[in-house]
Amino acid sequence: MAGSEGFLEESARWASGFELGDASASVLEAAKILVIDTIAAALSSLNTGPGRRVCRQLRGRLSDAEAMATLSVLLDHDSTLLYYGHIGHGTVSAPLLGYEGELGGAGLLEAVIASAEVGARLAASLSLGRTRGQMMTVIHSLAAATALGKAAGMPPNRLEAAMTLSLAYMVRPSRSGFTTIAKVLAAANGVSLGMRAYRLAPLSRAARPSAVLEDLYREWGGIALQAPLGGYGERWHLETLSVKPWPACSYAQTAIEAAHRIAEQLEPGEVEEILVEGSALTYYMDMMHRPAVKGPETSFTTLQFYTPYLVAYTLARRGFGREAYEEKSIKDPQIWRLASRVRSIHNTRFTSHVLAEPLPFGVAIGELGPARSLALMAKLLGPHAIPVVMGRPGILRGARLEEVDLRNTRKHVPVRVVVRTRTGSLEGEAWIVEGFHGTGSRAKREKALGKLLEGSENLLGREDTRMLADVLLSLEKAGPDEVGLVKKLLHEALRC
């Protein structure tokens, strides 16, 4: 298949016929880790004041699937794919807690893998659009509809109708709204639309799938990439899974890591200046969210994207965790004194490296060609574009997706933190963190399991937590009764 024409038809045929035996061991492992990590992110949120308050306000109005999707994104602690984005909300929450029929572990994993591969392809196609990451609610909708349709054994034509309906009604948050508590609406709304599309599919007389996709590209804006679409069975996006060790945006993970490496050597009262050098990903993330920062009155949803606070907290507390978003932490004057000493710097060498990586930017550059890519860089990077290109002249050659080994790529987000004190300076640098794609499946699994054990604290008993982990680690062998027990445990936890 070439391009978007026929994408939904091909996706429905592939997803409908997909069986667990079609996937490699690495894909199966990634799917189980995604399930574990999505559950862990939701439970972790419930162990915070903001999470409990959100849950109590919405719980009577949300299904278990919608509640888990909402809580999984609350602290920005959910998994991502290097190619491309956040998809666990619909991919895991919908089939695990939204499917009303009997489902064993193998059937659940088939639904997770099929929906992840379909959703990731469309997300990658939209990766240069105006709306990305968790804000891309349309992907949550598509993933939820696909997962439920696969779990129900829908034939290709019915599954195609569910997919088409899931994309026919588009809701996306405003950027300023996303920095408020309204952020939690993104996951719930996307999953809700997908679940309804699945239920309405038998009644559908939908528009042509290609027409709906054309409308989607038009409404969501930006550049629609064709290279990521298709290729089912030839490449597996799930192999690019990254698990975050810290509850914050992906682009801040290495900043927290770099600060953590030097925190023990510092006395916060001696700090005079903190330089955070990052690629365009980290630097412009800060610039974008800075207007929403109001000191101790800042929403915790904004602070997940604001590196000065994240670095200051790590240095002041010599560590970082979900407690950073508790009201007591946000109002701590010591942390804001340190945050006021942070200066963000765009390191063009770091950006050159990121853009030279095949995923996600190299493939986009390869499809756009040198002239369009250079024009886009000039628009996005302004005066920084020239030094970025000069730093790696080969950037404009880009990459061809069919030549990229997705399993062996790496998620690099280079950041250097330099802390100047009265007596000298300390420097920490990180390009990747344990759990990110490129650090191995064992690291991903350990991070996800650690998050699950910590997130279950005060919510599940020790025996229940151990049982939950055991079932999820061997999910492909679990029967409907074991999956039902997992659902029961989560139902109890989600009662807030």
Protein backbone atom coordinates (compact mmCIF):
# COMPACT_ATOMS: atom_id res chain seq x y z
CA MET A 1 0.00 0.00 0.00
CA ALA A 2 1.33 3.45 -0.87
CA GLY A 3 0.31 6.33 1.36
CA SER A 4 -2.97 7.04 3.14
CA GLU A 5 -5.25 5.73 0.38
CA GLY A 6 -6.54 2.42 1.70
CA PHE A 7 -4.80 2.70 5.08
CA LEU A 8 -7.89 1.93 7.17
CA GLU A 9 -8.96 -0.92 4.89
CA GLU A 10 -5.52 -2.53 5.10
CA SER A 11 -5.35 -1.91 8.85
CA ALA A 12 -8.72 -3.61 9.41
CA ARG A 13 -7.74 -6.63 7.32
CA TRP A 14 -4.44 -7.02 9.10
CA ALA A 15 -5.80 -6.46 12.62
CA SER A 16 -8.73 -8.82 12.07
CA GLY A 17 -6.44 -11.63 10.94
CA PHE A 18 -3.59 -11.00 13.38
CA GLU A 19 -2.79 -13.84 15.79
CA LEU A 20 -0.38 -13.87 18.69
CA GLY A 21 1.87 -16.35 16.89
CA ASP A 22 2.47 -13.76 14.16
CA ALA A 23 4.43 -11.57 16.58
CA SER A 24 8.03 -12.14 17.62
CA ALA A 25 9.10 -12.71 21.21
CA SER A 26 10.32 -9.10 21.46
CA VAL A 27 6.92 -7.75 20.36
CA LEU A 28 5.12 -9.98 22.86
CA GLU A 29 7.44 -8.81 25.61
CA ALA A 30 6.89 -5.16 24.70
CA ALA A 31 3.11 -5.64 24.74
CA LYS A 32 3.21 -7.14 28.25
CA ILE A 33 5.44 -4.31 29.46
CA LEU A 34 3.03 -1.78 27.96
CA VAL A 35 0.13 -3.40 29.87
CA ILE A 36 2.10 -3.44 33.13
CA ASP A 37 3.29 0.13 32.75
CA THR A 38 -0.12 1.56 31.84
CA ILE A 39 -1.68 -0.05 34.91
CA ALA A 40 1.26 1.09 37.03
CA ALA A 41 0.95 4.70 35.83
CA ALA A 42 -2.74 4.74 36.77
CA LEU A 43 -2.16 3.24 40.22
CA SER A 44 0.75 5.59 40.82
CA SER A 45 -1.53 8.56 40.17
CA LEU A 46 -4.02 7.21 42.71
CA ASN A 47 -1.28 7.39 45.33
CA THR A 48 -1.11 11.18 45.06
CA GLY A 49 -3.36 13.92 46.32
CA PRO A 50 -4.09 15.25 42.80
CA GLY A 51 -4.90 11.73 41.58
CA ARG A 52 -7.31 11.00 44.40
CA ARG A 53 -9.06 14.34 43.97
CA VAL A 54 -9.49 13.86 40.22
CA CYS A 55 -10.69 10.29 40.71
CA ARG A 56 -13.26 11.27 43.33
CA GLN A 57 -14.62 14.12 41.22
CA LEU A 58 -15.03 11.99 38.09
CA ARG A 59 -15.41 8.43 39.32
CA GLY A 60 -19.19 8.18 39.27
CA ARG A 61 -19.24 9.49 35.71
CA LEU A 62 -16.54 7.31 34.16
CA SER A 63 -16.35 3.63 33.35
CA ASP A 64 -13.37 1.65 34.66
CA ALA A 65 -11.69 1.91 31.25
CA GLU A 66 -12.15 5.68 31.09
CA ALA A 67 -10.98 6.09 34.68
CA MET A 68 -7.81 4.07 34.10
CA ALA A 69 -7.08 5.97 30.89
CA THR A 70 -7.50 9.27 32.73
CA LEU A 71 -5.29 8.30 35.65
CA SER A 72 -2.61 6.75 33.43
CA VAL A 73 -1.86 10.17 31.89
CA LEU A 74 -2.31 12.27 35.01
CA LEU A 75 1.37 12.40 36.01
CA ASP A 76 2.76 11.93 32.48
CA HIS A 77 4.30 8.67 33.70
CA ASP A 78 2.92 6.48 30.90
CA SER A 79 4.94 4.66 28.24
CA THR A 80 5.71 6.10 24.84
CA LEU A 81 6.81 4.71 21.51
CA LEU A 82 9.83 6.22 19.84
CA TYR A 83 7.85 5.90 16.62
CA TYR A 84 5.46 7.39 17.77
CA GLY A 85 3.88 8.73 20.95
CA HIS A 86 1.47 7.88 23.77
CA ILE A 87 -0.98 5.08 22.95
CA GLY A 88 -1.49 3.01 26.12
CA HIS A 89 -4.65 4.85 27.18
CA GLY A 90 -6.83 3.20 24.55
CA THR A 91 -4.63 0.27 23.62
CA VAL A 92 -4.64 -1.18 27.16
CA SER A 93 -7.50 0.45 29.09
CA ALA A 94 -10.23 -0.26 26.52
CA PRO A 95 -9.77 -4.03 25.98
CA LEU A 96 -8.78 -4.79 29.57
CA LEU A 97 -11.58 -2.89 31.33
CA GLY A 98 -14.00 -1.89 28.57
CA TYR A 99 -14.66 -5.20 26.85
CA GLU A 100 -17.75 -6.89 28.27
CA GLY A 101 -17.19 -10.39 26.89
CA GLU A 102 -14.95 -13.15 28.17
CA LEU A 103 -11.30 -12.60 27.28
CA GLY A 104 -8.19 -14.60 28.10
CA GLY A 105 -4.66 -13.27 28.24
CA ALA A 106 -3.81 -14.26 24.66
CA GLY A 107 -6.90 -12.50 23.32
CA LEU A 108 -6.09 -9.41 25.39
CA LEU A 109 -2.54 -9.29 24.05
CA GLU A 110 -3.77 -9.71 20.48
CA ALA A 111 -6.04 -6.69 21.00
CA VAL A 112 -3.21 -4.68 22.59
CA ILE A 113 -0.71 -5.47 19.82
CA ALA A 114 -3.15 -4.95 16.95
CA SER A 115 -4.40 -1.60 18.27
CA ALA A 116 -0.89 -0.41 19.15
CA GLU A 117 0.42 -1.14 15.67
CA VAL A 118 -2.53 0.56 13.96
CA GLY A 119 -2.56 3.58 16.27
CA ALA A 120 1.20 4.05 16.17
CA ARG A 121 1.24 4.18 12.38
CA LEU A 122 -1.31 6.98 12.22
CA ALA A 123 0.39 8.82 15.10
CA ALA A 124 3.73 8.61 13.27
CA SER A 125 2.06 9.92 10.13
CA LEU A 126 0.87 12.94 12.14
CA SER A 127 4.15 13.45 14.00
CA LEU A 128 4.87 16.79 12.29
CA GLY A 129 1.33 18.06 12.90
CA ARG A 130 0.28 20.82 15.25
CA THR A 131 -0.91 18.40 17.95
CA ARG A 132 1.32 15.66 19.32
CA GLY A 133 1.82 13.30 22.25
CA GLN A 134 -0.92 12.91 24.85
CA MET A 135 -2.85 15.74 23.19
CA MET A 136 -3.44 13.56 20.14
CA THR A 137 -6.84 12.33 21.35
CA VAL A 138 -7.75 10.98 17.93
CA ILE A 139 -5.14 8.23 18.35
CA HIS A 140 -6.64 7.19 21.69
CA SER A 141 -10.01 6.93 19.93
CA LEU A 142 -8.65 4.82 17.07
CA ALA A 143 -6.71 2.56 19.46
CA ALA A 144 -9.74 1.97 21.69
CA ALA A 145 -12.05 1.14 18.78
CA THR A 146 -9.47 -1.17 17.20
CA ALA A 147 -8.70 -2.96 20.46
CA LEU A 148 -12.34 -3.60 21.28
CA GLY A 149 -13.14 -4.69 17.74
CA LYS A 150 -10.22 -7.12 17.78
CA ALA A 151 -11.23 -8.48 21.19
CA ALA A 152 -14.76 -9.06 19.90
CA GLY A 153 -13.51 -10.85 16.78
CA MET A 154 -15.04 -8.33 14.38
CA PRO A 155 -14.65 -9.25 10.69
CA PRO A 156 -12.61 -6.79 8.59
CA ASN A 157 -15.57 -4.81 7.22
CA ARG A 158 -17.06 -4.27 10.70
CA LEU A 159 -13.67 -3.42 12.19
CA GLU A 160 -13.06 -0.95 9.38
CA ALA A 161 -16.39 0.71 10.22
CA ALA A 162 -15.37 1.01 13.89
CA MET A 163 -12.01 2.54 12.90
CA THR A 164 -13.65 4.98 10.52
CA LEU A 165 -16.21 6.08 13.09
CA SER A 166 -13.46 6.58 15.68
CA LEU A 167 -11.80 9.14 13.40
CA ALA A 168 -14.96 10.81 12.15
CA TYR A 169 -15.47 12.95 15.23
CA MET A 170 -12.35 14.80 16.36
CA VAL A 171 -11.78 16.44 19.75
CA ARG A 172 -8.48 17.97 20.73
CA PRO A 173 -7.45 20.20 23.62
CA SER A 174 -6.15 23.72 23.22
CA ARG A 175 -2.49 24.15 24.14
CA SER A 176 -3.24 26.54 26.99
CA GLY A 177 -6.00 24.25 28.25
CA PHE A 178 -3.62 21.30 28.28
CA THR A 179 -1.50 23.03 30.96
CA THR A 180 -4.47 22.94 33.35
CA ILE A 181 -6.41 20.09 34.95
CA ALA A 182 -8.23 19.87 31.60
CA LYS A 183 -5.29 17.71 30.51
CA VAL A 184 -6.99 14.67 32.06
CA LEU A 185 -9.91 15.06 29.68
CA ALA A 186 -7.74 14.18 26.68
CA ALA A 187 -7.37 10.48 27.47
CA ALA A 188 -10.90 9.98 28.79
CA ASN A 189 -12.53 11.71 25.81
CA GLY A 190 -10.44 9.88 23.23
CA VAL A 191 -11.11 6.48 24.79
CA SER A 192 -14.81 7.31 25.23
CA LEU A 193 -15.16 8.16 21.54
CA GLY A 194 -13.38 4.96 20.52
CA MET A 195 -15.57 2.81 22.75
CA ARG A 196 -18.70 4.40 21.32
CA ALA A 197 -17.44 3.99 17.77
CA TYR A 198 -16.94 0.26 18.46
CA ARG A 199 -20.49 -0.07 19.78
CA LEU A 200 -21.99 1.88 16.87
CA ALA A 201 -20.07 0.01 14.16
CA PRO A 202 -22.90 -2.51 13.50
CA LEU A 203 -25.19 0.42 12.66
CA SER A 204 -22.67 2.30 10.59
CA ARG A 205 -23.19 3.60 7.10
CA ALA A 206 -19.99 5.57 7.40
CA ALA A 207 -18.31 7.83 4.87
CA ARG A 208 -15.52 6.35 2.79
CA PRO A 209 -12.55 5.62 5.08
CA SER A 210 -10.17 7.49 2.76
CA ALA A 211 -12.42 10.58 2.90
CA VAL A 212 -12.46 10.50 6.71
CA LEU A 213 -8.66 10.21 6.76
CA GLU A 214 -8.32 13.14 4.36
CA ASP A 215 -10.56 15.23 6.63
CA LEU A 216 -8.47 14.20 9.62
CA TYR A 217 -5.24 15.36 8.01
CA ARG A 218 -6.87 18.62 6.96
CA GLU A 219 -8.33 19.36 10.39
CA TRP A 220 -5.28 18.39 12.41
CA GLY A 221 -2.97 20.40 10.21
CA GLY A 222 0.73 20.16 9.64
CA ILE A 223 2.45 17.75 7.30
CA ALA A 224 0.96 14.31 6.73
CA LEU A 225 3.73 11.75 6.33
CA GLN A 226 3.04 8.72 4.17
CA ALA A 227 6.09 6.57 4.95
CA PRO A 228 4.89 5.31 8.37
CA LEU A 229 1.61 3.92 7.02
CA GLY A 230 1.37 0.23 6.17
CA GLY A 231 4.19 -2.28 6.50
CA TYR A 232 2.25 -4.62 8.79
CA GLY A 233 4.23 -7.72 9.65
CA GLU A 234 7.41 -6.12 8.28
CA ARG A 235 8.04 -3.71 11.15
CA TRP A 236 6.69 -3.54 14.69
CA HIS A 237 6.29 -0.16 16.35
CA LEU A 238 5.88 -1.80 19.76
CA GLU A 239 9.56 -2.71 19.64
CA THR A 240 10.34 1.00 20.15
CA LEU A 241 8.58 1.12 23.54
CA SER A 242 10.11 3.39 26.20
CA VAL A 243 9.24 3.22 29.90
CA LYS A 244 9.78 6.43 31.87
CA PRO A 245 11.57 6.18 35.21
CA TRP A 246 10.30 9.61 36.27
CA PRO A 247 6.75 11.06 36.27
CA ALA A 248 7.32 13.82 33.72
CA CYS A 249 7.44 14.47 29.98
CA SER A 250 9.78 12.29 27.92
CA TYR A 251 11.81 15.35 26.98
CA ALA A 252 12.54 16.06 30.68
CA GLN A 253 13.64 12.54 31.66
CA THR A 254 17.32 13.06 30.91
CA ALA A 255 17.29 16.49 32.61
CA ILE A 256 16.06 14.87 35.82
CA GLU A 257 18.62 12.07 35.37
CA ALA A 258 21.49 14.52 34.84
CA ALA A 259 20.47 16.54 37.91
CA HIS A 260 20.09 13.37 39.96
CA ARG A 261 23.68 12.36 39.18
CA ILE A 262 25.10 15.46 40.90
CA ALA A 263 22.43 16.17 43.53
CA GLU A 264 24.20 14.36 46.38
CA GLN A 265 27.29 16.53 45.92
CA LEU A 266 25.42 19.82 46.30
CA GLU A 267 24.22 22.02 49.10
CA PRO A 268 21.17 23.79 47.61
CA GLY A 269 21.93 26.99 49.54
CA GLU A 270 25.26 27.36 47.73
CA VAL A 271 23.81 27.24 44.21
CA GLU A 272 24.23 30.45 42.24
CA GLU A 273 23.25 29.39 38.72
CA ILE A 274 21.92 26.29 36.99
CA LEU A 275 22.37 25.86 33.25
CA VAL A 276 20.18 23.31 31.49
CA GLU A 277 21.44 22.66 27.97
CA GLY A 278 19.05 20.62 25.89
CA SER A 279 18.10 19.83 22.34
CA ALA A 280 15.22 21.65 20.68
CA LEU A 281 12.86 19.05 22.18
CA THR A 282 13.64 20.04 25.78
CA TYR A 283 14.38 23.71 25.14
CA TYR A 284 11.19 24.53 23.24
CA MET A 285 9.11 22.43 25.62
CA ASP A 286 10.21 24.84 28.35
CA MET A 287 9.60 27.92 26.23
CA MET A 288 6.12 26.67 25.30
CA HIS A 289 5.04 26.05 28.90
CA ARG A 290 6.77 28.99 30.58
CA PRO A 291 3.79 31.38 30.14
CA ALA A 292 1.63 29.03 32.24
CA VAL A 293 4.11 29.00 35.14
CA LYS A 294 2.86 31.03 38.12
CA GLY A 295 5.31 30.02 40.82
CA PRO A 296 3.70 28.19 43.76
CA GLU A 297 0.29 28.61 42.10
CA THR A 298 1.30 26.63 38.99
CA SER A 299 -0.81 23.62 38.05
CA PHE A 300 0.96 20.29 38.56
CA THR A 301 0.04 19.44 34.96
CA THR A 302 2.24 22.31 33.75
CA LEU A 303 5.18 21.38 35.97
CA GLN A 304 5.47 17.98 34.27
CA PHE A 305 6.73 19.87 31.22
CA TYR A 306 8.75 22.61 32.95
CA THR A 307 12.40 21.63 33.33
CA PRO A 308 13.44 24.41 35.76
CA TYR A 309 11.02 23.07 38.39
CA LEU A 310 11.88 19.42 37.70
CA VAL A 311 15.62 20.05 37.95
CA ALA A 312 15.26 22.30 41.00
CA TYR A 313 13.16 19.72 42.80
CA THR A 314 15.68 16.96 42.02
CA LEU A 315 18.59 19.02 43.32
CA ALA A 316 16.73 20.19 46.44
CA ARG A 317 15.36 16.78 47.42
CA ARG A 318 18.21 14.70 45.97
CA GLY A 319 15.71 12.64 44.03
CA PHE A 320 12.47 12.85 42.09
CA GLY A 321 9.11 11.12 42.29
CA ARG A 322 5.37 11.62 42.23
CA GLU A 323 5.55 13.58 45.50
CA ALA A 324 6.89 16.47 43.41
CA TYR A 325 3.29 17.23 42.40
CA GLU A 326 1.85 17.35 45.91
CA GLU A 327 0.72 20.80 47.02
CA LYS A 328 3.35 20.89 49.79
CA SER A 329 6.14 20.42 47.25
CA ILE A 330 4.76 22.90 44.74
CA LYS A 331 4.58 25.58 47.43
CA ASP A 332 8.10 24.96 48.76
CA PRO A 333 9.98 28.29 48.50
CA GLN A 334 13.39 26.56 48.42
CA ILE A 335 12.47 24.77 45.20
CA TRP A 336 11.27 27.96 43.55
CA ARG A 337 14.45 29.80 44.64
CA LEU A 338 16.45 27.14 42.84
CA ALA A 339 14.09 27.19 39.84
CA SER A 340 14.62 30.96 39.51
CA ARG A 341 18.34 30.28 39.06
CA VAL A 342 17.79 27.93 36.11
CA ARG A 343 18.68 29.17 32.65
CA SER A 344 17.58 27.06 29.69
CA ILE A 345 19.93 26.93 26.72
CA HIS A 346 19.39 25.45 23.28
CA ASN A 347 22.40 23.25 22.52
CA THR A 348 22.39 23.07 18.73
CA ARG A 349 24.86 20.17 18.75
CA PHE A 350 22.35 18.12 20.71
CA THR A 351 19.60 19.06 18.27
CA SER A 352 21.80 18.08 15.34
CA HIS A 353 22.22 14.64 16.86
CA VAL A 354 18.49 14.19 17.52
CA LEU A 355 17.56 15.19 13.97
CA ALA A 356 20.21 12.87 12.53
CA GLU A 357 18.66 9.83 14.26
CA PRO A 358 16.50 7.80 11.85
CA LEU A 359 13.47 7.86 14.19
CA PRO A 360 11.40 9.82 14.31
CA PHE A 361 12.94 12.75 12.42
CA GLY A 362 15.29 11.12 9.94
CA VAL A 363 12.47 9.30 8.16
CA ALA A 364 10.41 12.50 8.04
CA ILE A 365 13.32 14.42 6.53
CA GLY A 366 13.88 11.62 4.02
CA GLU A 367 10.27 11.84 2.86
CA LEU A 368 10.13 15.65 2.72
CA GLY A 369 13.44 16.07 0.92
CA PRO A 370 16.24 18.59 1.64
CA ALA A 371 14.49 21.78 0.51
CA ARG A 372 11.22 21.26 2.40
CA SER A 373 13.07 19.96 5.46
CA LEU A 374 15.35 23.00 5.56
CA ALA A 375 12.35 25.32 5.22
CA LEU A 376 10.59 23.54 8.07
CA MET A 377 13.68 23.74 10.28
CA ALA A 378 13.97 27.45 9.57
CA LYS A 379 10.34 27.93 10.56
CA LEU A 380 10.60 25.91 13.76
CA LEU A 381 14.14 26.72 14.89
CA GLY A 382 14.56 30.27 13.59
CA PRO A 383 18.19 31.45 13.77
CA HIS A 384 19.21 28.13 15.32
CA ALA A 385 18.47 26.27 12.08
CA ILE A 386 21.77 27.09 10.36
CA PRO A 387 24.07 25.93 13.19
CA VAL A 388 21.93 22.80 13.60
CA VAL A 389 22.36 21.86 9.94
CA MET A 390 26.02 22.85 9.91
CA GLY A 391 26.58 20.63 12.94
CA ARG A 392 25.54 17.56 10.93
CA PRO A 393 25.48 18.30 7.18
CA GLY A 394 24.19 14.78 6.53
CA ILE A 395 20.94 15.61 8.35
CA LEU A 396 19.24 16.69 5.15
CA ARG A 397 19.76 13.29 3.57
CA GLY A 398 17.30 11.80 6.04
CA ALA A 399 16.52 8.08 6.17
CA ARG A 400 14.32 5.52 4.46
CA LEU A 401 11.96 3.70 6.81
CA GLU A 402 12.36 0.34 5.08
CA GLU A 403 16.09 0.49 5.89
CA VAL A 404 15.62 1.32 9.59
CA ASP A 405 15.97 -1.43 12.20
CA LEU A 406 13.28 -0.34 14.67
CA ARG A 407 14.36 -2.86 17.30
CA ASN A 408 17.89 -1.47 17.52
CA THR A 409 17.25 2.28 17.37
CA ARG A 410 17.64 4.40 20.50
CA LYS A 411 15.63 7.14 22.17
CA HIS A 412 18.15 9.91 22.72
CA VAL A 413 17.17 13.15 24.47
CA PRO A 414 20.55 14.71 25.32
CA VAL A 415 20.69 17.15 28.24
CA ARG A 416 23.56 18.67 30.23
CA VAL A 417 23.00 20.26 33.66
CA VAL A 418 25.74 22.56 34.96
CA VAL A 419 25.42 23.88 38.53
CA ARG A 420 27.62 26.79 39.54
CA THR A 421 28.24 27.36 43.22
CA ARG A 422 30.34 29.76 45.26
CA THR A 423 33.25 27.34 45.21
CA GLY A 424 33.08 25.85 41.71
CA SER A 425 30.74 23.94 39.45
CA LEU A 426 29.36 20.47 38.93
CA GLU A 427 28.16 18.94 35.67
CA GLY A 428 25.83 16.08 34.90
CA GLU A 429 24.96 14.86 31.41
CA ALA A 430 22.52 12.22 30.18
CA TRP A 431 21.48 11.18 26.68
CA ILE A 432 19.28 8.23 27.58
CA VAL A 433 17.73 6.79 30.76
CA GLU A 434 17.21 3.20 31.89
CA GLY A 435 13.86 2.07 30.48
CA PHE A 436 14.12 4.10 27.29
CA HIS A 437 14.28 2.30 23.96
CA GLY A 438 17.87 1.26 23.45
CA THR A 439 18.50 0.15 27.06
CA GLY A 440 17.10 -3.36 26.56
CA SER A 441 13.89 -5.23 27.38
CA ARG A 442 15.11 -6.19 30.84
CA ALA A 443 15.54 -2.53 31.81
CA LYS A 444 12.06 -1.70 30.48
CA ARG A 445 10.51 -4.60 32.34
CA GLU A 446 12.26 -3.76 35.61
CA LYS A 447 11.20 -0.11 35.44
CA ALA A 448 7.59 -1.05 34.71
CA LEU A 449 7.49 -3.66 37.51
CA GLY A 450 9.11 -1.26 39.98
CA LYS A 451 6.50 1.33 39.10
CA LEU A 452 3.73 -1.24 39.54
CA LEU A 453 4.97 -2.31 42.98
CA GLU A 454 5.38 1.28 44.14
CA GLY A 455 2.10 2.39 42.59
CA SER A 456 0.17 -0.45 44.26
CA GLU A 457 1.29 0.69 47.69
CA ASN A 458 -1.72 1.52 49.93
CA LEU A 459 -4.08 0.33 47.17
CA LEU A 460 -3.52 -3.42 46.91
CA GLY A 461 -2.30 -5.90 49.47
CA ARG A 462 1.11 -7.51 49.08
CA GLU A 463 -0.33 -10.83 47.95
CA ASP A 464 -2.66 -9.18 45.45
CA THR A 465 0.19 -7.11 44.04
CA ARG A 466 2.37 -10.20 43.62
CA MET A 467 -0.49 -12.06 41.96
CA LEU A 468 -1.15 -9.13 39.63
CA ALA A 469 2.49 -8.98 38.57
CA ASP A 470 2.69 -12.76 38.05
CA VAL A 471 -0.40 -12.82 35.83
CA LEU A 472 0.78 -9.87 33.74
CA LEU A 473 4.28 -11.29 33.25
CA SER A 474 2.84 -14.49 31.78
CA LEU A 475 -0.28 -12.92 30.31
CA GLU A 476 -0.22 -14.99 27.13
CA LYS A 477 -0.88 -18.09 29.29
CA ALA A 478 -3.59 -16.54 31.48
CA GLY A 479 -7.16 -17.76 31.19
CA PRO A 480 -10.33 -15.68 31.40
CA ASP A 481 -10.55 -16.28 35.15
CA GLU A 482 -7.10 -14.84 35.77
CA VAL A 483 -7.81 -11.83 33.55
CA GLY A 484 -11.10 -11.43 35.39
CA LEU A 485 -9.22 -11.35 38.70
CA VAL A 486 -6.97 -8.57 37.35
CA LYS A 487 -10.07 -6.61 36.33
CA LYS A 488 -11.60 -7.11 39.78
CA LEU A 489 -8.47 -5.82 41.54
CA LEU A 490 -8.34 -2.75 39.31
CA HIS A 491 -12.06 -2.12 39.77
CA GLU A 492 -11.57 -2.04 43.53
CA ALA A 493 -8.55 0.27 43.28
CA LEU A 494 -10.36 2.65 40.93
CA ARG A 495 -13.10 3.21 43.47
CA CYS A 496 -10.76 5.85 44.98
